[in-house]
Amino acid sequence: MANSPQAKKRARQNERRYAVNKARRSRIRTYLRKVEEAIASGDQASAQAALRAAQPELMRGVTKGVMHKNTVARKMSRLSARVKALGA
């Protein structure tokens, strides 16, 4: 258990950051799920729209430190390739 005032404050801050990061991760997963569902439906227009909506949210996750830059780049690359393949 945290004893010093500084350690107690850090524990409070960590709880708040955990809640914020958890919500942000959940929101990112929701956007990714929408893209996956659109790809599964086979509709390229809706998949492209879902991907466009998901991209800024993914990048926000990078800037906020929730996800690693390369992880997001890999996910966006793979999703955009799958969306592109729907039209082919």
PDB file of N, CA and C in Angstrom:
ATOM      1  N   MET A   1       0.835  -1.185   0.000  1.00  0.00           N
ATOM      2  CA  MET A   1       0.000   0.000   0.000  1.00  0.00           C
ATOM      3  C   MET A   1       0.877   1.244   0.000  1.00  0.00           C
ATOM      4  N   ALA A   2       0.446   2.272  -0.732  1.00  0.00           N
ATOM      5  CA  ALA A   2       1.204   3.514  -0.813  1.00  0.00           C
ATOM      6  C   ALA A   2       1.163   4.242   0.525  1.00  0.00           C
ATOM      7  N   ASN A   3       2.327   4.667   0.997  1.00  0.00           N
ATOM      8  CA  ASN A   3       2.401   5.332   2.292  1.00  0.00           C
ATOM      9  C   ASN A   3       2.685   6.820   2.193  1.00  0.00           C
ATOM     10  N   SER A   4       3.628   7.211   1.360  1.00  0.00           N
ATOM     11  CA  SER A   4       3.967   8.631   1.268  1.00  0.00           C
ATOM     12  C   SER A   4       2.888   9.370   0.483  1.00  0.00           C
ATOM     13  N   PRO A   5       2.745  10.671   0.743  1.00  0.00           N
ATOM     14  CA  PRO A   5       1.743  11.460  -0.011  1.00  0.00           C
ATOM     15  C   PRO A   5       1.956  11.364  -1.525  1.00  0.00           C
ATOM     16  N   GLN A   6       3.223  11.354  -1.945  1.00  0.00           N
ATOM     17  CA  GLN A   6       3.521  11.270  -3.376  1.00  0.00           C
ATOM     18  C   GLN A   6       3.048   9.934  -3.951  1.00  0.00           C
ATOM     19  N   ALA A   7       3.296   8.850  -3.222  1.00  0.00           N
ATOM     20  CA  ALA A   7       2.888   7.528  -3.694  1.00  0.00           C
ATOM     21  C   ALA A   7       1.365   7.415  -3.738  1.00  0.00           C
ATOM     22  N   LYS A   8       0.696   8.040  -2.761  1.00  0.00           N
ATOM     23  CA  LYS A   8      -0.773   8.019  -2.746  1.00  0.00           C
ATOM     24  C   LYS A   8      -1.322   8.775  -3.950  1.00  0.00           C
ATOM     25  N   LYS A   9      -0.713   9.919  -4.247  1.00  0.00           N
ATOM     26  CA  LYS A   9      -1.154  10.704  -5.394  1.00  0.00           C
ATOM     27  C   LYS A   9      -0.924   9.925  -6.690  1.00  0.00           C
ATOM     28  N   ARG A  10       0.235   9.280  -6.818  1.00  0.00           N
ATOM     29  CA  ARG A  10       0.520   8.499  -8.021  1.00  0.00           C
ATOM     30  C   ARG A  10      -0.491   7.364  -8.176  1.00  0.00           C
ATOM     31  N   ALA A  11      -0.888   6.757  -7.065  1.00  0.00           N
ATOM     32  CA  ALA A  11      -1.880   5.680  -7.126  1.00  0.00           C
ATOM     33  C   ALA A  11      -3.211   6.210  -7.639  1.00  0.00           C
ATOM     34  N   ARG A  12      -3.598   7.399  -7.172  1.00  0.00           N
ATOM     35  CA  ARG A  12      -4.851   8.017  -7.653  1.00  0.00           C
ATOM     36  C   ARG A  12      -4.752   8.332  -9.139  1.00  0.00           C
ATOM     37  N   GLN A  13      -3.624   8.907  -9.537  1.00  0.00           N
ATOM     38  CA  GLN A  13      -3.434   9.251 -10.947  1.00  0.00           C
ATOM     39  C   GLN A  13      -3.461   8.007 -11.827  1.00  0.00           C
ATOM     40  N   ASN A  14      -2.816   6.940 -11.350  1.00  0.00           N
ATOM     41  CA  ASN A  14      -2.784   5.698 -12.122  1.00  0.00           C
ATOM     42  C   ASN A  14      -4.171   5.130 -12.325  1.00  0.00           C
ATOM     43  N   GLU A  15      -5.023   5.219 -11.299  1.00  0.00           N
ATOM     44  CA  GLU A  15      -6.402   4.736 -11.432  1.00  0.00           C
ATOM     45  C   GLU A  15      -7.148   5.510 -12.504  1.00  0.00           C
ATOM     46  N   ARG A  16      -6.979   6.838 -12.478  1.00  0.00           N
ATOM     47  CA  ARG A  16      -7.666   7.673 -13.474  1.00  0.00           C
ATOM     48  C   ARG A  16      -7.152   7.383 -14.877  1.00  0.00           C
ATOM     49  N   ARG A  17      -5.834   7.293 -15.039  1.00  0.00           N
ATOM     50  CA  ARG A  17      -5.259   7.031 -16.351  1.00  0.00           C
ATOM     51  C   ARG A  17      -5.689   5.662 -16.870  1.00  0.00           C
ATOM     52  N   TYR A  18      -5.759   4.682 -15.954  1.00  0.00           N
ATOM     53  CA  TYR A  18      -6.185   3.339 -16.337  1.00  0.00           C
ATOM     54  C   TYR A  18      -7.598   3.379 -16.913  1.00  0.00           C
ATOM     55  N   ALA A  19      -8.489   4.125 -16.252  1.00  0.00           N
ATOM     56  CA  ALA A  19      -9.876   4.219 -16.717  1.00  0.00           C
ATOM     57  C   ALA A  19      -9.948   4.894 -18.088  1.00  0.00           C
ATOM     58  N   VAL A  20      -9.183   5.979 -18.252  1.00  0.00           N
ATOM     59  CA  VAL A  20      -9.191   6.711 -19.523  1.00  0.00           C
ATOM     60  C   VAL A  20      -8.643   5.836 -20.648  1.00  0.00           C
ATOM     61  N   ASN A  21      -7.512   5.175 -20.369  1.00  0.00           N
ATOM     62  CA  ASN A  21      -6.881   4.328 -21.389  1.00  0.00           C
ATOM     63  C   ASN A  21      -7.758   3.138 -21.741  1.00  0.00           C
ATOM     64  N   LYS A  22      -8.439   2.582 -20.735  1.00  0.00           N
ATOM     65  CA  LYS A  22      -9.329   1.446 -20.970  1.00  0.00           C
ATOM     66  C   LYS A  22     -10.473   1.859 -21.897  1.00  0.00           C
ATOM     67  N   ALA A  23     -11.053   3.041 -21.644  1.00  0.00           N
ATOM     68  CA  ALA A  23     -12.139   3.543 -22.493  1.00  0.00           C
ATOM     69  C   ALA A  23     -11.643   3.786 -23.914  1.00  0.00           C
ATOM     70  N   ARG A  24     -10.446   4.350 -24.025  1.00  0.00           N
ATOM     71  CA  ARG A  24      -9.896   4.642 -25.355  1.00  0.00           C
ATOM     72  C   ARG A  24      -9.620   3.357 -26.135  1.00  0.00           C
ATOM     73  N   ARG A  25      -9.054   2.346 -25.447  1.00  0.00           N
ATOM     74  CA  ARG A  25      -8.797   1.051 -26.087  1.00  0.00           C
ATOM     75  C   ARG A  25     -10.103   0.407 -26.543  1.00  0.00           C
ATOM     76  N   SER A  26     -11.133   0.516 -25.708  1.00  0.00           N
ATOM     77  CA  SER A  26     -12.436  -0.056 -26.043  1.00  0.00           C
ATOM     78  C   SER A  26     -13.025   0.631 -27.278  1.00  0.00           C
ATOM     79  N   ARG A  27     -12.899   1.970 -27.324  1.00  0.00           N
ATOM     80  CA  ARG A  27     -13.429   2.716 -28.463  1.00  0.00           C
ATOM     81  C   ARG A  27     -12.697   2.324 -29.746  1.00  0.00           C
ATOM     82  N   ILE A  28     -11.386   2.131 -29.662  1.00  0.00           N
ATOM     83  CA  ILE A  28     -10.600   1.720 -30.830  1.00  0.00           C
ATOM     84  C   ILE A  28     -11.057   0.342 -31.303  1.00  0.00           C
ATOM     85  N   ARG A  29     -11.245  -0.575 -30.353  1.00  0.00           N
ATOM     86  CA  ARG A  29     -11.700  -1.928 -30.722  1.00  0.00           C
ATOM     87  C   ARG A  29     -13.077  -1.888 -31.394  1.00  0.00           C
ATOM     88  N   THR A  30     -13.948  -0.995 -30.918  1.00  0.00           N
ATOM     89  CA  THR A  30     -15.279  -0.858 -31.513  1.00  0.00           C
ATOM     90  C   THR A  30     -15.169  -0.423 -32.968  1.00  0.00           C
ATOM     91  N   TYR A  31     -14.320   0.577 -33.226  1.00  0.00           N
ATOM     92  CA  TYR A  31     -14.120   1.041 -34.601  1.00  0.00           C
ATOM     93  C   TYR A  31     -13.564  -0.082 -35.478  1.00  0.00           C
ATOM     94  N   LEU A  32     -12.611  -0.838 -34.936  1.00  0.00           N
ATOM     95  CA  LEU A  32     -12.043  -1.951 -35.708  1.00  0.00           C
ATOM     96  C   LEU A  32     -13.092  -3.017 -35.990  1.00  0.00           C
ATOM     97  N   ARG A  33     -13.951  -3.285 -35.002  1.00  0.00           N
ATOM     98  CA  ARG A  33     -15.001  -4.280 -35.204  1.00  0.00           C
ATOM     99  C   ARG A  33     -15.962  -3.832 -36.305  1.00  0.00           C
ATOM    100  N   LYS A  34     -16.272  -2.528 -36.358  1.00  0.00           N
ATOM    101  CA  LYS A  34     -17.166  -2.013 -37.402  1.00  0.00           C
ATOM    102  C   LYS A  34     -16.554  -2.217 -38.789  1.00  0.00           C
ATOM    103  N   VAL A  35     -15.247  -2.010 -38.883  1.00  0.00           N
ATOM    104  CA  VAL A  35     -14.562  -2.230 -40.172  1.00  0.00           C
ATOM    105  C   VAL A  35     -14.624  -3.709 -40.531  1.00  0.00           C
ATOM    106  N   GLU A  36     -14.332  -4.574 -39.560  1.00  0.00           N
ATOM    107  CA  GLU A  36     -14.369  -6.028 -39.796  1.00  0.00           C
ATOM    108  C   GLU A  36     -15.760  -6.470 -40.257  1.00  0.00           C
ATOM    109  N   GLU A  37     -16.795  -5.954 -39.609  1.00  0.00           N
ATOM    110  CA  GLU A  37     -18.168  -6.324 -39.981  1.00  0.00           C
ATOM    111  C   GLU A  37     -18.508  -5.845 -41.386  1.00  0.00           C
ATOM    112  N   ALA A  38     -18.045  -4.639 -41.729  1.00  0.00           N
ATOM    113  CA  ALA A  38     -18.301  -4.103 -43.074  1.00  0.00           C
ATOM    114  C   ALA A  38     -17.583  -4.939 -44.130  1.00  0.00           C
ATOM    115  N   ILE A  39     -16.374  -5.374 -43.819  1.00  0.00           N
ATOM    116  CA  ILE A  39     -15.629  -6.230 -44.755  1.00  0.00           C
ATOM    117  C   ILE A  39     -16.347  -7.570 -44.909  1.00  0.00           C
ATOM    118  N   ALA A  40     -16.834  -8.109 -43.796  1.00  0.00           N
ATOM    119  CA  ALA A  40     -17.532  -9.400 -43.836  1.00  0.00           C
ATOM    120  C   ALA A  40     -18.819  -9.312 -44.644  1.00  0.00           C
ATOM    121  N   SER A  41     -19.475  -8.139 -44.604  1.00  0.00           N
ATOM    122  CA  SER A  41     -20.721  -7.977 -45.363  1.00  0.00           C
ATOM    123  C   SER A  41     -20.448  -7.913 -46.863  1.00  0.00           C
ATOM    124  N   GLY A  42     -19.209  -7.568 -47.235  1.00  0.00           N
ATOM    125  CA  GLY A  42     -18.852  -7.533 -48.650  1.00  0.00           C
ATOM    126  C   GLY A  42     -19.138  -6.219 -49.337  1.00  0.00           C
ATOM    127  N   ASP A  43     -19.580  -5.211 -48.595  1.00  0.00           N
ATOM    128  CA  ASP A  43     -19.895  -3.903 -49.176  1.00  0.00           C
ATOM    129  C   ASP A  43     -18.664  -3.006 -49.082  1.00  0.00           C
ATOM    130  N   GLN A  44     -18.036  -2.741 -50.232  1.00  0.00           N
ATOM    131  CA  GLN A  44     -16.785  -1.987 -50.213  1.00  0.00           C
ATOM    132  C   GLN A  44     -16.995  -0.543 -49.763  1.00  0.00           C
ATOM    133  N   ALA A  45     -18.102   0.067 -50.162  1.00  0.00           N
ATOM    134  CA  ALA A  45     -18.341   1.473 -49.803  1.00  0.00           C
ATOM    135  C   ALA A  45     -18.463   1.648 -48.294  1.00  0.00           C
ATOM    136  N   SER A  46     -19.226   0.766 -47.656  1.00  0.00           N
ATOM    137  CA  SER A  46     -19.388   0.892 -46.201  1.00  0.00           C
ATOM    138  C   SER A  46     -18.088   0.522 -45.483  1.00  0.00           C
ATOM    139  N   ALA A  47     -17.342  -0.439 -46.032  1.00  0.00           N
ATOM    140  CA  ALA A  47     -16.063  -0.817 -45.433  1.00  0.00           C
ATOM    141  C   ALA A  47     -15.076   0.340 -45.521  1.00  0.00           C
ATOM    142  N   GLN A  48     -15.080   1.025 -46.660  1.00  0.00           N
ATOM    143  CA  GLN A  48     -14.181   2.161 -46.832  1.00  0.00           C
ATOM    144  C   GLN A  48     -14.552   3.295 -45.882  1.00  0.00           C
ATOM    145  N   ALA A  49     -15.844   3.533 -45.724  1.00  0.00           N
ATOM    146  CA  ALA A  49     -16.299   4.583 -44.804  1.00  0.00           C
ATOM    147  C   ALA A  49     -15.935   4.236 -43.364  1.00  0.00           C
ATOM    148  N   ALA A  50     -16.098   2.972 -43.003  1.00  0.00           N
ATOM    149  CA  ALA A  50     -15.758   2.535 -41.649  1.00  0.00           C
ATOM    150  C   ALA A  50     -14.261   2.654 -41.399  1.00  0.00           C
ATOM    151  N   LEU A  51     -13.467   2.329 -42.408  1.00  0.00           N
ATOM    152  CA  LEU A  51     -12.012   2.430 -42.279  1.00  0.00           C
ATOM    153  C   LEU A  51     -11.592   3.885 -42.128  1.00  0.00           C
ATOM    154  N   ARG A  52     -12.204   4.770 -42.910  1.00  0.00           N
ATOM    155  CA  ARG A  52     -11.896   6.197 -42.807  1.00  0.00           C
ATOM    156  C   ARG A  52     -12.238   6.738 -41.428  1.00  0.00           C
ATOM    157  N   ALA A  53     -13.324   6.235 -40.852  1.00  0.00           N
ATOM    158  CA  ALA A  53     -13.711   6.674 -39.506  1.00  0.00           C
ATOM    159  C   ALA A  53     -12.774   6.119 -38.445  1.00  0.00           C
ATOM    160  N   ALA A  54     -12.237   4.930 -38.693  1.00  0.00           N
ATOM    161  CA  ALA A  54     -11.379   4.267 -37.700  1.00  0.00           C
ATOM    162  C   ALA A  54      -9.962   4.835 -37.686  1.00  0.00           C
ATOM    163  N   GLN A  55      -9.466   5.306 -38.816  1.00  0.00           N
ATOM    164  CA  GLN A  55      -8.072   5.743 -38.902  1.00  0.00           C
ATOM    165  C   GLN A  55      -7.707   6.842 -37.901  1.00  0.00           C
ATOM    166  N   PRO A  56      -8.481   7.931 -37.794  1.00  0.00           N
ATOM    167  CA  PRO A  56      -8.087   8.956 -36.824  1.00  0.00           C
ATOM    168  C   PRO A  56      -8.135   8.453 -35.384  1.00  0.00           C
ATOM    169  N   GLU A  57      -9.075   7.565 -35.099  1.00  0.00           N
ATOM    170  CA  GLU A  57      -9.174   7.017 -33.741  1.00  0.00           C
ATOM    171  C   GLU A  57      -7.949   6.156 -33.423  1.00  0.00           C
ATOM    172  N   LEU A  58      -7.496   5.379 -34.403  1.00  0.00           N
ATOM    173  CA  LEU A  58      -6.284   4.567 -34.225  1.00  0.00           C
ATOM    174  C   LEU A  58      -5.064   5.460 -34.004  1.00  0.00           C
ATOM    175  N   MET A  59      -4.938   6.503 -34.804  1.00  0.00           N
ATOM    176  CA  MET A  59      -3.791   7.400 -34.663  1.00  0.00           C
ATOM    177  C   MET A  59      -3.843   8.139 -33.328  1.00  0.00           C
ATOM    178  N   ARG A  60      -5.028   8.453 -32.864  1.00  0.00           N
ATOM    179  CA  ARG A  60      -5.170   9.102 -31.555  1.00  0.00           C
ATOM    180  C   ARG A  60      -4.681   8.157 -30.459  1.00  0.00           C
ATOM    181  N   GLY A  61      -4.939   6.868 -30.643  1.00  0.00           N
ATOM    182  CA  GLY A  61      -4.436   5.884 -29.689  1.00  0.00           C
ATOM    183  C   GLY A  61      -2.925   5.874 -29.625  1.00  0.00           C
ATOM    184  N   VAL A  62      -2.280   6.132 -30.767  1.00  0.00           N
ATOM    185  CA  VAL A  62      -0.815   6.193 -30.808  1.00  0.00           C
ATOM    186  C   VAL A  62      -0.326   7.430 -30.060  1.00  0.00           C
ATOM    187  N   THR A  63      -0.910   8.587 -30.374  1.00  0.00           N
ATOM    188  CA  THR A  63      -0.435   9.824 -29.749  1.00  0.00           C
ATOM    189  C   THR A  63      -0.695   9.834 -28.251  1.00  0.00           C
ATOM    190  N   LYS A  64      -1.733   9.143 -27.812  1.00  0.00           N
ATOM    191  CA  LYS A  64      -2.049   9.096 -26.384  1.00  0.00           C
ATOM    192  C   LYS A  64      -1.303   7.973 -25.664  1.00  0.00           C
ATOM    193  N   GLY A  65      -0.551   7.168 -26.415  1.00  0.00           N
ATOM    194  CA  GLY A  65       0.271   6.143 -25.793  1.00  0.00           C
ATOM    195  C   GLY A  65      -0.455   4.860 -25.451  1.00  0.00           C
ATOM    196  N   VAL A  66      -1.635   4.657 -26.024  1.00  0.00           N
ATOM    197  CA  VAL A  66      -2.403   3.449 -25.735  1.00  0.00           C
ATOM    198  C   VAL A  66      -1.927   2.291 -26.610  1.00  0.00           C
ATOM    199  N   MET A  67      -1.523   2.613 -27.840  1.00  0.00           N
ATOM    200  CA  MET A  67      -1.061   1.590 -28.775  1.00  0.00           C
ATOM    201  C   MET A  67       0.271   2.029 -29.379  1.00  0.00           C
ATOM    202  N   HIS A  68       1.045   1.056 -29.830  1.00  0.00           N
ATOM    203  CA  HIS A  68       2.329   1.355 -30.459  1.00  0.00           C
ATOM    204  C   HIS A  68       2.117   1.759 -31.911  1.00  0.00           C
ATOM    205  N   LYS A  69       2.970   2.649 -32.374  1.00  0.00           N
ATOM    206  CA  LYS A  69       2.863   3.191 -33.731  1.00  0.00           C
ATOM    207  C   LYS A  69       2.885   2.098 -34.790  1.00  0.00           C
ATOM    208  N   ASN A  70       3.811   1.147 -34.650  1.00  0.00           N
ATOM    209  CA  ASN A  70       3.940   0.101 -35.662  1.00  0.00           C
ATOM    210  C   ASN A  70       2.749  -0.852 -35.648  1.00  0.00           C
ATOM    211  N   THR A  71       2.180  -1.084 -34.478  1.00  0.00           N
ATOM    212  CA  THR A  71       0.993  -1.944 -34.373  1.00  0.00           C
ATOM    213  C   THR A  71      -0.157  -1.335 -35.157  1.00  0.00           C
ATOM    214  N   VAL A  72      -0.359  -0.034 -34.976  1.00  0.00           N
ATOM    215  CA  VAL A  72      -1.450   0.656 -35.667  1.00  0.00           C
ATOM    216  C   VAL A  72      -1.183   0.700 -37.164  1.00  0.00           C
ATOM    217  N   ALA A  73       0.066   0.945 -37.548  1.00  0.00           N
ATOM    218  CA  ALA A  73       0.413   0.984 -38.969  1.00  0.00           C
ATOM    219  C   ALA A  73       0.125  -0.370 -39.608  1.00  0.00           C
ATOM    220  N   ARG A  74       0.482  -1.450 -38.907  1.00  0.00           N
ATOM    221  CA  ARG A  74       0.242  -2.799 -39.421  1.00  0.00           C
ATOM    222  C   ARG A  74      -1.254  -3.069 -39.561  1.00  0.00           C
ATOM    223  N   LYS A  75      -2.034  -2.701 -38.545  1.00  0.00           N
ATOM    224  CA  LYS A  75      -3.478  -2.930 -38.593  1.00  0.00           C
ATOM    225  C   LYS A  75      -4.125  -2.149 -39.734  1.00  0.00           C
ATOM    226  N   MET A  76      -3.754  -0.876 -39.882  1.00  0.00           N
ATOM    227  CA  MET A  76      -4.339  -0.056 -40.940  1.00  0.00           C
ATOM    228  C   MET A  76      -3.955  -0.580 -42.317  1.00  0.00           C
ATOM    229  N   SER A  77      -2.711  -1.023 -42.455  1.00  0.00           N
ATOM    230  CA  SER A  77      -2.254  -1.546 -43.732  1.00  0.00           C
ATOM    231  C   SER A  77      -3.034  -2.801 -44.120  1.00  0.00           C
ATOM    232  N   ARG A  78      -3.179  -3.704 -43.159  1.00  0.00           N
ATOM    233  CA  ARG A  78      -3.890  -4.962 -43.448  1.00  0.00           C
ATOM    234  C   ARG A  78      -5.363  -4.721 -43.730  1.00  0.00           C
ATOM    235  N   LEU A  79      -5.977  -3.825 -42.951  1.00  0.00           N
ATOM    236  CA  LEU A  79      -7.401  -3.540 -43.175  1.00  0.00           C
ATOM    237  C   LEU A  79      -7.612  -2.868 -44.528  1.00  0.00           C
ATOM    238  N   SER A  80      -6.766  -1.890 -44.878  1.00  0.00           N
ATOM    239  CA  SER A  80      -6.953  -1.198 -46.150  1.00  0.00           C
ATOM    240  C   SER A  80      -6.730  -2.149 -47.324  1.00  0.00           C
ATOM    241  N   ALA A  81      -5.811  -3.101 -47.168  1.00  0.00           N
ATOM    242  CA  ALA A  81      -5.598  -4.085 -48.226  1.00  0.00           C
ATOM    243  C   ALA A  81      -6.841  -4.967 -48.397  1.00  0.00           C
ATOM    244  N   ARG A  82      -7.459  -5.339 -47.279  1.00  0.00           N
ATOM    245  CA  ARG A  82      -8.667  -6.169 -47.352  1.00  0.00           C
ATOM    246  C   ARG A  82      -9.825  -5.401 -47.945  1.00  0.00           C
ATOM    247  N   VAL A  83      -9.948  -4.110 -47.613  1.00  0.00           N
ATOM    248  CA  VAL A  83     -11.021  -3.278 -48.180  1.00  0.00           C
ATOM    249  C   VAL A  83     -10.801  -3.112 -49.672  1.00  0.00           C
ATOM    250  N   LYS A  84      -9.565  -2.903 -50.063  1.00  0.00           N
ATOM    251  CA  LYS A  84      -9.222  -2.732 -51.481  1.00  0.00           C
ATOM    252  C   LYS A  84      -9.530  -4.005 -52.257  1.00  0.00           C
ATOM    253  N   ALA A  85      -9.294  -5.166 -51.623  1.00  0.00           N
ATOM    254  CA  ALA A  85      -9.524  -6.433 -52.294  1.00  0.00           C
ATOM    255  C   ALA A  85     -11.010  -6.687 -52.541  1.00  0.00           C
ATOM    256  N   LEU A  86     -11.887  -6.034 -51.769  1.00  0.00           N
ATOM    257  CA  LEU A  86     -13.327  -6.207 -51.982  1.00  0.00           C
ATOM    258  C   LEU A  86     -13.740  -5.693 -53.361  1.00  0.00           C
ATOM    259  N   GLY A  87     -13.096  -4.625 -53.813  1.00  0.00           N
ATOM    260  CA  GLY A  87     -13.452  -4.035 -55.101  1.00  0.00           C
ATOM    261  C   GLY A  87     -12.887  -4.805 -56.279  1.00  0.00           C
ATOM    262  N   ALA A  88     -11.848  -5.575 -56.037  1.00  0.00           N
ATOM    263  CA  ALA A  88     -11.183  -6.288 -57.144  1.00  0.00           C
ATOM    264  C   ALA A  88     -11.944  -7.518 -57.586  1.00  0.00           C
TER     265      ALA A  88
END
